Amino acid sequence: MRTERVEFAGPHGRLAAKLDLPTGTPRAYGIFAHCFTCSKDVLAANRIGHGLAAQGVAMLRFDFAGLGASAGNFSDTNFSSNVEDPVAASAFLRAHHAAPRLLVGHSMGGTVVLAAAHRIPEAKAVVTIAAPSDPHYVVDKLLVEHLDTIARLGEARVQLAGRDFQIRRQFVEDATRHRLADRIAHLGRALLVMHAPADDTVDVENALRIFGMAAYPKSFVSLDGMDHLVTGRHDAAQVAAVIAAWSARYIDGV
């Protein structure tokens, strides 16, 4: 396999991405949406992208606006703008390669692809890994100690994964407006929900809610023994292998 650096237009400027390509002609193309405040180069994105490429599925993993090498100011982004980024990624693939049939999202990236799937008509299969069932979960879980400051001053500096981020009131208000139950119930694509039972960042009840709201065809895989960021050396390879096997029925048209 090989990896190409690419970029494409997004709503907040150019988005940086890497396209993991298999040896030979790809069976299909897919998109990987990374975790909240992470990047396309986080271990899970890198390893799962490579793992799927090794199985013949070309994967485009991009940096959300304001993160990694992508343009934009993180403090100006929110869940609504994040949803625009995989839509832009699909437009790039559609124009230069082939439209994505597989959408994979890790953590908040999984919530994003659930919200974006209806705008990517060629997508046949959606995978969530350790995803919140609702974007407001991030506010409740990660920002709760800062909500008074945000309400009073309009913004707060928040440390996430060892880095400082400026979170503005508009981010909190936007997250509150979204309710994904209807999107999930009418997803119209095959869904694979993957979650570690002992995830201490996004509890497994989120996965059960997503699975419960979704219509068939749907599948649930317990990532027993894995952590939220899928950091175990062999864990991401296992996740990629399961995704490749499960999605073949849908993305290969068999």
C-alpha atoms as a PDB file:
ATOM      1  CA  MET A   1       0.000   0.000   0.000  1.00  0.00           C
ATOM      2  CA  ARG A   2       0.987   3.647  -0.273  1.00  0.00           C
ATOM      3  CA  THR A   3      -0.207   6.909   1.248  1.00  0.00           C
ATOM      4  CA  GLU A   4      -0.708  10.156  -0.673  1.00  0.00           C
ATOM      5  CA  ARG A   5      -0.976  13.622   0.865  1.00  0.00           C
ATOM      6  CA  VAL A   6      -3.927  15.526  -0.576  1.00  0.00           C
ATOM      7  CA  GLU A   7      -5.979  18.599   0.238  1.00  0.00           C
ATOM      8  CA  PHE A   8      -9.391  19.855  -0.773  1.00  0.00           C
ATOM      9  CA  ALA A   9     -11.740  22.750  -0.200  1.00  0.00           C
ATOM     10  CA  GLY A  10     -13.799  22.831   2.984  1.00  0.00           C
ATOM     11  CA  PRO A  11     -16.208  25.423   4.409  1.00  0.00           C
ATOM     12  CA  HIS A  12     -13.405  26.962   6.534  1.00  0.00           C
ATOM     13  CA  GLY A  13     -10.602  26.720   3.958  1.00  0.00           C
ATOM     14  CA  ARG A  14      -8.358  23.939   2.724  1.00  0.00           C
ATOM     15  CA  LEU A  15      -8.568  20.606   4.524  1.00  0.00           C
ATOM     16  CA  ALA A  16      -5.443  18.460   4.779  1.00  0.00           C
ATOM     17  CA  ALA A  17      -5.814  14.730   4.266  1.00  0.00           C
ATOM     18  CA  LYS A  18      -4.011  11.484   3.580  1.00  0.00           C
ATOM     19  CA  LEU A  19      -5.302   8.874   1.153  1.00  0.00           C
ATOM     20  CA  ASP A  20      -4.283   5.330   2.070  1.00  0.00           C
ATOM     21  CA  LEU A  21      -4.280   3.312  -1.155  1.00  0.00           C
ATOM     22  CA  PRO A  22      -4.049  -0.452  -1.596  1.00  0.00           C
ATOM     23  CA  THR A  23      -1.712  -2.146  -4.009  1.00  0.00           C
ATOM     24  CA  GLY A  24      -3.675  -2.395  -7.230  1.00  0.00           C
ATOM     25  CA  THR A  25      -7.167  -1.102  -7.932  1.00  0.00           C
ATOM     26  CA  PRO A  26      -9.208  -0.304  -4.792  1.00  0.00           C
ATOM     27  CA  ARG A  27     -12.321  -2.374  -4.145  1.00  0.00           C
ATOM     28  CA  ALA A  28     -13.966   0.775  -2.845  1.00  0.00           C
ATOM     29  CA  TYR A  29     -13.219   4.134  -1.267  1.00  0.00           C
ATOM     30  CA  GLY A  30     -14.027   5.227   2.260  1.00  0.00           C
ATOM     31  CA  ILE A  31     -13.692   8.184   4.623  1.00  0.00           C
ATOM     32  CA  PHE A  32     -12.300   8.149   8.165  1.00  0.00           C
ATOM     33  CA  ALA A  33     -13.370  10.924  10.585  1.00  0.00           C
ATOM     34  CA  HIS A  34     -11.036  11.248  13.581  1.00  0.00           C
ATOM     35  CA  CYS A  35     -11.799  11.823  17.252  1.00  0.00           C
ATOM     36  CA  PHE A  36     -12.565  15.165  18.933  1.00  0.00           C
ATOM     37  CA  THR A  37      -9.503  17.499  18.939  1.00  0.00           C
ATOM     38  CA  CYS A  38      -7.383  14.725  17.376  1.00  0.00           C
ATOM     39  CA  SER A  39      -6.011  14.600  13.823  1.00  0.00           C
ATOM     40  CA  LYS A  40      -5.797  12.335  10.802  1.00  0.00           C
ATOM     41  CA  ASP A  41      -2.459  11.082  12.169  1.00  0.00           C
ATOM     42  CA  VAL A  42      -3.730   9.875  15.542  1.00  0.00           C
ATOM     43  CA  LEU A  43      -2.784   6.214  16.021  1.00  0.00           C
ATOM     44  CA  ALA A  44      -6.291   4.848  15.474  1.00  0.00           C
ATOM     45  CA  ALA A  45      -6.831   6.786  12.231  1.00  0.00           C
ATOM     46  CA  ASN A  46      -3.408   5.892  10.879  1.00  0.00           C
ATOM     47  CA  ARG A  47      -3.531   2.207  11.739  1.00  0.00           C
ATOM     48  CA  ILE A  48      -7.160   1.608  10.758  1.00  0.00           C
ATOM     49  CA  GLY A  49      -6.623   3.482   7.488  1.00  0.00           C
ATOM     50  CA  HIS A  50      -3.602   1.331   6.707  1.00  0.00           C
ATOM     51  CA  GLY A  51      -5.419  -1.817   7.774  1.00  0.00           C
ATOM     52  CA  LEU A  52      -8.378  -1.168   5.488  1.00  0.00           C
ATOM     53  CA  ALA A  53      -6.077  -0.253   2.599  1.00  0.00           C
ATOM     54  CA  ALA A  54      -4.333  -3.589   3.074  1.00  0.00           C
ATOM     55  CA  GLN A  55      -7.769  -5.177   2.612  1.00  0.00           C
ATOM     56  CA  GLY A  56      -8.314  -3.288  -0.652  1.00  0.00           C
ATOM     57  CA  VAL A  57     -10.351  -0.331   0.629  1.00  0.00           C
ATOM     58  CA  ALA A  58      -8.798   3.086  -0.070  1.00  0.00           C
ATOM     59  CA  MET A  59      -9.344   5.352   2.935  1.00  0.00           C
ATOM     60  CA  LEU A  60      -9.286   9.149   3.002  1.00  0.00           C
ATOM     61  CA  ARG A  61      -8.519  10.438   6.512  1.00  0.00           C
ATOM     62  CA  PHE A  62      -8.668  14.191   6.917  1.00  0.00           C
ATOM     63  CA  ASP A  63      -8.036  16.819   9.567  1.00  0.00           C
ATOM     64  CA  PHE A  64     -11.203  18.602  10.647  1.00  0.00           C
ATOM     65  CA  ALA A  65     -11.073  22.385  10.159  1.00  0.00           C
ATOM     66  CA  GLY A  66      -8.860  24.100  12.709  1.00  0.00           C
ATOM     67  CA  LEU A  67      -7.025  20.891  13.620  1.00  0.00           C
ATOM     68  CA  GLY A  68      -3.842  19.241  12.389  1.00  0.00           C
ATOM     69  CA  ALA A  69      -2.698  20.760   9.095  1.00  0.00           C
ATOM     70  CA  SER A  70      -6.136  21.990   8.010  1.00  0.00           C
ATOM     71  CA  ALA A  71      -7.014  25.663   7.700  1.00  0.00           C
ATOM     72  CA  GLY A  72      -9.431  27.381  10.035  1.00  0.00           C
ATOM     73  CA  ASN A  73      -9.670  28.371  13.678  1.00  0.00           C
ATOM     74  CA  PHE A  74     -10.840  25.579  15.971  1.00  0.00           C
ATOM     75  CA  SER A  75     -12.731  28.029  18.184  1.00  0.00           C
ATOM     76  CA  ASP A  76     -14.863  29.038  15.188  1.00  0.00           C
ATOM     77  CA  THR A  77     -15.930  25.453  14.492  1.00  0.00           C
ATOM     78  CA  ASN A  78     -18.765  23.415  15.978  1.00  0.00           C
ATOM     79  CA  PHE A  79     -20.645  20.193  15.357  1.00  0.00           C
ATOM     80  CA  SER A  80     -22.557  21.674  12.415  1.00  0.00           C
ATOM     81  CA  SER A  81     -19.368  22.801  10.686  1.00  0.00           C
ATOM     82  CA  ASN A  82     -17.723  19.458  11.440  1.00  0.00           C
ATOM     83  CA  VAL A  83     -20.516  17.699   9.554  1.00  0.00           C
ATOM     84  CA  GLU A  84     -19.612  19.751   6.481  1.00  0.00           C
ATOM     85  CA  ASP A  85     -16.059  18.367   6.421  1.00  0.00           C
ATOM     86  CA  PRO A  86     -16.799  14.704   5.500  1.00  0.00           C
ATOM     87  CA  VAL A  87     -19.292  16.005   2.950  1.00  0.00           C
ATOM     88  CA  ALA A  88     -16.437  18.019   1.419  1.00  0.00           C
ATOM     89  CA  ALA A  89     -14.189  14.948   1.608  1.00  0.00           C
ATOM     90  CA  SER A  90     -16.774  12.897  -0.277  1.00  0.00           C
ATOM     91  CA  ALA A  91     -16.973  15.589  -2.968  1.00  0.00           C
ATOM     92  CA  PHE A  92     -13.195  15.372  -3.394  1.00  0.00           C
ATOM     93  CA  LEU A  93     -13.279  11.586  -3.749  1.00  0.00           C
ATOM     94  CA  ARG A  94     -16.245  11.781  -6.114  1.00  0.00           C
ATOM     95  CA  ALA A  95     -14.419  14.245  -8.359  1.00  0.00           C
ATOM     96  CA  HIS A  96     -10.966  12.644  -8.345  1.00  0.00           C
ATOM     97  CA  HIS A  97     -11.441   8.939  -7.640  1.00  0.00           C
ATOM     98  CA  ALA A  98     -14.821   7.420  -6.781  1.00  0.00           C
ATOM     99  CA  ALA A  99     -17.523   8.360  -4.299  1.00  0.00           C
ATOM    100  CA  PRO A 100     -17.079   6.812  -0.845  1.00  0.00           C
ATOM    101  CA  ARG A 101     -19.127   3.729  -0.049  1.00  0.00           C
ATOM    102  CA  LEU A 102     -17.794   3.379   3.494  1.00  0.00           C
ATOM    103  CA  LEU A 103     -17.917   5.982   6.283  1.00  0.00           C
ATOM    104  CA  VAL A 104     -15.933   5.323   9.470  1.00  0.00           C
ATOM    105  CA  GLY A 105     -15.897   7.656  12.461  1.00  0.00           C
ATOM    106  CA  HIS A 106     -13.985   7.410  15.735  1.00  0.00           C
ATOM    107  CA  SER A 107     -15.390   8.982  18.911  1.00  0.00           C
ATOM    108  CA  MET A 108     -17.000  12.330  17.956  1.00  0.00           C
ATOM    109  CA  GLY A 109     -16.042  11.517  14.371  1.00  0.00           C
ATOM    110  CA  GLY A 110     -18.537   8.666  14.587  1.00  0.00           C
ATOM    111  CA  THR A 111     -21.267  11.056  15.689  1.00  0.00           C
ATOM    112  CA  VAL A 112     -20.326  13.312  12.778  1.00  0.00           C
ATOM    113  CA  VAL A 113     -20.609  10.561  10.151  1.00  0.00           C
ATOM    114  CA  LEU A 114     -24.013   9.554  11.529  1.00  0.00           C
ATOM    115  CA  ALA A 115     -25.162  13.133  10.959  1.00  0.00           C
ATOM    116  CA  ALA A 116     -23.481  13.453   7.554  1.00  0.00           C
ATOM    117  CA  ALA A 117     -24.410  10.106   5.978  1.00  0.00           C
ATOM    118  CA  HIS A 118     -27.681  11.307   4.436  1.00  0.00           C
ATOM    119  CA  ARG A 119     -25.690  13.886   2.453  1.00  0.00           C
ATOM    120  CA  ILE A 120     -23.390  11.254   0.943  1.00  0.00           C
ATOM    121  CA  PRO A 121     -25.826   9.216  -1.166  1.00  0.00           C
ATOM    122  CA  GLU A 122     -23.258   6.705  -2.431  1.00  0.00           C
ATOM    123  CA  ALA A 123     -22.356   5.563   1.096  1.00  0.00           C
ATOM    124  CA  LYS A 124     -23.579   2.028   1.726  1.00  0.00           C
ATOM    125  CA  ALA A 125     -22.080   1.307   5.148  1.00  0.00           C
ATOM    126  CA  VAL A 126     -21.400   3.386   8.269  1.00  0.00           C
ATOM    127  CA  VAL A 127     -19.126   2.397  11.162  1.00  0.00           C
ATOM    128  CA  THR A 128     -18.913   4.104  14.551  1.00  0.00           C
ATOM    129  CA  ILE A 129     -16.039   3.407  16.942  1.00  0.00           C
ATOM    130  CA  ALA A 130     -16.455   4.575  20.556  1.00  0.00           C
ATOM    131  CA  ALA A 131     -18.908   7.258  19.421  1.00  0.00           C
ATOM    132  CA  PRO A 132     -21.194   9.432  21.550  1.00  0.00           C
ATOM    133  CA  SER A 133     -24.855   8.996  20.682  1.00  0.00           C
ATOM    134  CA  ASP A 134     -25.350  12.770  20.724  1.00  0.00           C
ATOM    135  CA  PRO A 135     -22.929  15.704  20.250  1.00  0.00           C
ATOM    136  CA  HIS A 136     -24.024  17.247  23.533  1.00  0.00           C
ATOM    137  CA  TYR A 137     -22.305  14.341  25.305  1.00  0.00           C
ATOM    138  CA  VAL A 138     -18.994  16.125  24.712  1.00  0.00           C
ATOM    139  CA  VAL A 139     -20.357  19.205  26.474  1.00  0.00           C
ATOM    140  CA  ASP A 140     -21.675  17.158  29.394  1.00  0.00           C
ATOM    141  CA  LYS A 141     -18.552  15.017  29.723  1.00  0.00           C
ATOM    142  CA  LEU A 142     -15.617  17.264  28.838  1.00  0.00           C
ATOM    143  CA  LEU A 143     -16.804  20.836  29.282  1.00  0.00           C
ATOM    144  CA  VAL A 144     -19.108  20.694  32.295  1.00  0.00           C
ATOM    145  CA  GLU A 145     -16.574  22.384  34.622  1.00  0.00           C
ATOM    146  CA  HIS A 146     -16.231  25.287  32.196  1.00  0.00           C
ATOM    147  CA  LEU A 147     -19.878  25.954  31.348  1.00  0.00           C
ATOM    148  CA  ASP A 148     -20.294  28.740  33.913  1.00  0.00           C
ATOM    149  CA  THR A 149     -17.242  30.545  32.542  1.00  0.00           C
ATOM    150  CA  ILE A 150     -18.428  30.095  28.965  1.00  0.00           C
ATOM    151  CA  ALA A 151     -21.894  31.398  29.868  1.00  0.00           C
ATOM    152  CA  ARG A 152     -20.430  34.402  31.707  1.00  0.00           C
ATOM    153  CA  LEU A 153     -17.527  35.355  29.423  1.00  0.00           C
ATOM    154  CA  GLY A 154     -18.568  33.789  26.142  1.00  0.00           C
ATOM    155  CA  GLU A 155     -15.554  31.480  26.016  1.00  0.00           C
ATOM    156  CA  ALA A 156     -13.125  29.475  28.121  1.00  0.00           C
ATOM    157  CA  ARG A 157      -9.702  27.923  27.689  1.00  0.00           C
ATOM    158  CA  VAL A 158     -10.066  24.166  28.118  1.00  0.00           C
ATOM    159  CA  GLN A 159      -7.327  21.566  28.309  1.00  0.00           C
ATOM    160  CA  LEU A 160      -8.126  18.474  26.262  1.00  0.00           C
ATOM    161  CA  ALA A 161      -5.666  15.614  25.771  1.00  0.00           C
ATOM    162  CA  GLY A 162      -2.900  17.792  27.198  1.00  0.00           C
ATOM    163  CA  ARG A 163      -3.493  20.737  24.844  1.00  0.00           C
ATOM    164  CA  ASP A 164      -5.321  24.021  25.336  1.00  0.00           C
ATOM    165  CA  PHE A 165      -8.357  24.854  23.211  1.00  0.00           C
ATOM    166  CA  GLN A 166     -10.561  27.926  23.198  1.00  0.00           C
ATOM    167  CA  ILE A 167     -14.207  26.836  23.461  1.00  0.00           C
ATOM    168  CA  ARG A 168     -16.821  29.472  22.692  1.00  0.00           C
ATOM    169  CA  ARG A 169     -20.472  29.758  23.592  1.00  0.00           C
ATOM    170  CA  GLN A 170     -21.489  29.052  19.993  1.00  0.00           C
ATOM    171  CA  PHE A 171     -19.921  25.563  20.241  1.00  0.00           C
ATOM    172  CA  VAL A 172     -22.023  24.692  23.286  1.00  0.00           C
ATOM    173  CA  GLU A 173     -25.205  26.181  21.820  1.00  0.00           C
ATOM    174  CA  ASP A 174     -24.717  24.362  18.519  1.00  0.00           C
ATOM    175  CA  ALA A 175     -24.150  21.003  20.231  1.00  0.00           C
ATOM    176  CA  THR A 176     -27.332  21.502  22.234  1.00  0.00           C
ATOM    177  CA  ARG A 177     -29.398  22.050  19.091  1.00  0.00           C
ATOM    178  CA  HIS A 178     -28.570  18.673  17.566  1.00  0.00           C
ATOM    179  CA  ARG A 179     -30.619  15.586  18.297  1.00  0.00           C
ATOM    180  CA  LEU A 180     -29.549  12.629  16.179  1.00  0.00           C
ATOM    181  CA  ALA A 181     -32.283  10.140  17.025  1.00  0.00           C
ATOM    182  CA  ASP A 182     -34.157  10.765  13.783  1.00  0.00           C
ATOM    183  CA  ARG A 183     -30.974  10.704  11.676  1.00  0.00           C
ATOM    184  CA  ILE A 184     -29.944   7.391  13.216  1.00  0.00           C
ATOM    185  CA  ALA A 185     -33.418   5.864  12.921  1.00  0.00           C
ATOM    186  CA  HIS A 186     -33.563   6.788   9.228  1.00  0.00           C
ATOM    187  CA  LEU A 187     -29.888   6.232   8.421  1.00  0.00           C
ATOM    188  CA  GLY A 188     -30.737   4.144   5.371  1.00  0.00           C
ATOM    189  CA  ARG A 189     -27.347   2.408   5.419  1.00  0.00           C
ATOM    190  CA  ALA A 190     -25.913  -0.674   7.043  1.00  0.00           C
ATOM    191  CA  LEU A 191     -24.514   0.251  10.462  1.00  0.00           C
ATOM    192  CA  LEU A 192     -21.722  -1.299  12.514  1.00  0.00           C
ATOM    193  CA  VAL A 193     -21.405  -0.042  16.098  1.00  0.00           C
ATOM    194  CA  MET A 194     -18.065  -0.826  17.787  1.00  0.00           C
ATOM    195  CA  HIS A 195     -17.382   0.075  21.409  1.00  0.00           C
ATOM    196  CA  ALA A 196     -15.253  -1.067  24.329  1.00  0.00           C
ATOM    197  CA  PRO A 197     -17.338  -2.078  27.377  1.00  0.00           C
ATOM    198  CA  ALA A 198     -14.807  -0.442  29.719  1.00  0.00           C
ATOM    199  CA  ASP A 199     -14.420   2.801  27.743  1.00  0.00           C
ATOM    200  CA  ASP A 200     -13.967   5.474  30.427  1.00  0.00           C
ATOM    201  CA  THR A 201     -14.218   8.447  28.044  1.00  0.00           C
ATOM    202  CA  VAL A 202     -17.454   7.649  26.197  1.00  0.00           C
ATOM    203  CA  ASP A 203     -19.366   5.019  28.133  1.00  0.00           C
ATOM    204  CA  VAL A 204     -20.774   2.018  26.317  1.00  0.00           C
ATOM    205  CA  GLU A 205     -24.360   3.147  26.959  1.00  0.00           C
ATOM    206  CA  ASN A 206     -23.838   5.519  24.032  1.00  0.00           C
ATOM    207  CA  ALA A 207     -23.241   2.573  21.729  1.00  0.00           C
ATOM    208  CA  LEU A 208     -26.321   0.799  23.040  1.00  0.00           C
ATOM    209  CA  ARG A 209     -28.409   3.900  22.372  1.00  0.00           C
ATOM    210  CA  ILE A 210     -27.085   4.210  18.810  1.00  0.00           C
ATOM    211  CA  PHE A 211     -27.716   0.526  18.167  1.00  0.00           C
ATOM    212  CA  GLY A 212     -31.178   0.693  19.699  1.00  0.00           C
ATOM    213  CA  MET A 213     -32.234   3.688  17.608  1.00  0.00           C
ATOM    214  CA  ALA A 214     -30.949   2.281  14.320  1.00  0.00           C
ATOM    215  CA  ALA A 215     -32.939   0.099  11.955  1.00  0.00           C
ATOM    216  CA  TYR A 216     -31.602  -3.107  10.442  1.00  0.00           C
ATOM    217  CA  PRO A 217     -29.215  -3.987   8.888  1.00  0.00           C
ATOM    218  CA  LYS A 218     -27.095  -3.246  11.949  1.00  0.00           C
ATOM    219  CA  SER A 219     -24.391  -5.047  13.893  1.00  0.00           C
ATOM    220  CA  PHE A 220     -22.673  -4.547  17.249  1.00  0.00           C
ATOM    221  CA  VAL A 221     -19.094  -5.533  18.066  1.00  0.00           C
ATOM    222  CA  SER A 222     -17.735  -5.341  21.600  1.00  0.00           C
ATOM    223  CA  LEU A 223     -14.112  -4.149  21.615  1.00  0.00           C
ATOM    224  CA  ASP A 224     -13.290  -6.098  24.743  1.00  0.00           C
ATOM    225  CA  GLY A 225     -10.081  -5.018  26.435  1.00  0.00           C
ATOM    226  CA  MET A 226      -9.548  -1.956  24.240  1.00  0.00           C
ATOM    227  CA  ASP A 227      -9.361   1.667  25.347  1.00  0.00           C
ATOM    228  CA  HIS A 228     -11.209   4.676  23.931  1.00  0.00           C
ATOM    229  CA  LEU A 229      -8.393   5.692  21.583  1.00  0.00           C
ATOM    230  CA  VAL A 230      -7.718   2.110  20.403  1.00  0.00           C
ATOM    231  CA  THR A 231      -4.040   2.530  21.276  1.00  0.00           C
ATOM    232  CA  GLY A 232      -3.122  -1.141  21.643  1.00  0.00           C
ATOM    233  CA  ARG A 233      -0.671  -2.129  18.915  1.00  0.00           C
ATOM    234  CA  HIS A 234      -2.816  -4.954  17.583  1.00  0.00           C
ATOM    235  CA  ASP A 235      -6.208  -3.466  18.480  1.00  0.00           C
ATOM    236  CA  ALA A 236      -6.524  -1.192  15.453  1.00  0.00           C
ATOM    237  CA  ALA A 237      -5.546  -4.037  13.135  1.00  0.00           C
ATOM    238  CA  GLN A 238      -8.350  -6.137  14.627  1.00  0.00           C
ATOM    239  CA  VAL A 239     -10.826  -3.270  14.227  1.00  0.00           C
ATOM    240  CA  ALA A 240      -9.790  -2.796  10.588  1.00  0.00           C
ATOM    241  CA  ALA A 241     -10.116  -6.519   9.864  1.00  0.00           C
ATOM    242  CA  VAL A 242     -13.622  -6.634  11.334  1.00  0.00           C
ATOM    243  CA  ILE A 243     -14.700  -3.532   9.392  1.00  0.00           C
ATOM    244  CA  ALA A 244     -13.308  -4.955   6.148  1.00  0.00           C
ATOM    245  CA  ALA A 245     -15.069  -8.296   6.592  1.00  0.00           C
ATOM    246  CA  TRP A 246     -18.382  -6.800   7.727  1.00  0.00           C
ATOM    247  CA  SER A 247     -18.543  -4.069   5.070  1.00  0.00           C
ATOM    248  CA  ALA A 248     -17.673  -6.291   2.094  1.00  0.00           C
ATOM    249  CA  ARG A 249     -21.298  -7.354   1.623  1.00  0.00           C
ATOM    250  CA  TYR A 250     -22.344  -3.726   1.234  1.00  0.00           C
ATOM    251  CA  ILE A 251     -19.457  -1.915  -0.431  1.00  0.00           C
ATOM    252  CA  ASP A 252     -18.624  -4.715  -2.870  1.00  0.00           C
ATOM    253  CA  GLY A 253     -22.257  -5.069  -3.899  1.00  0.00           C
ATOM    254  CA  VAL A 254     -22.395  -8.796  -3.148  1.00  0.00           C
END
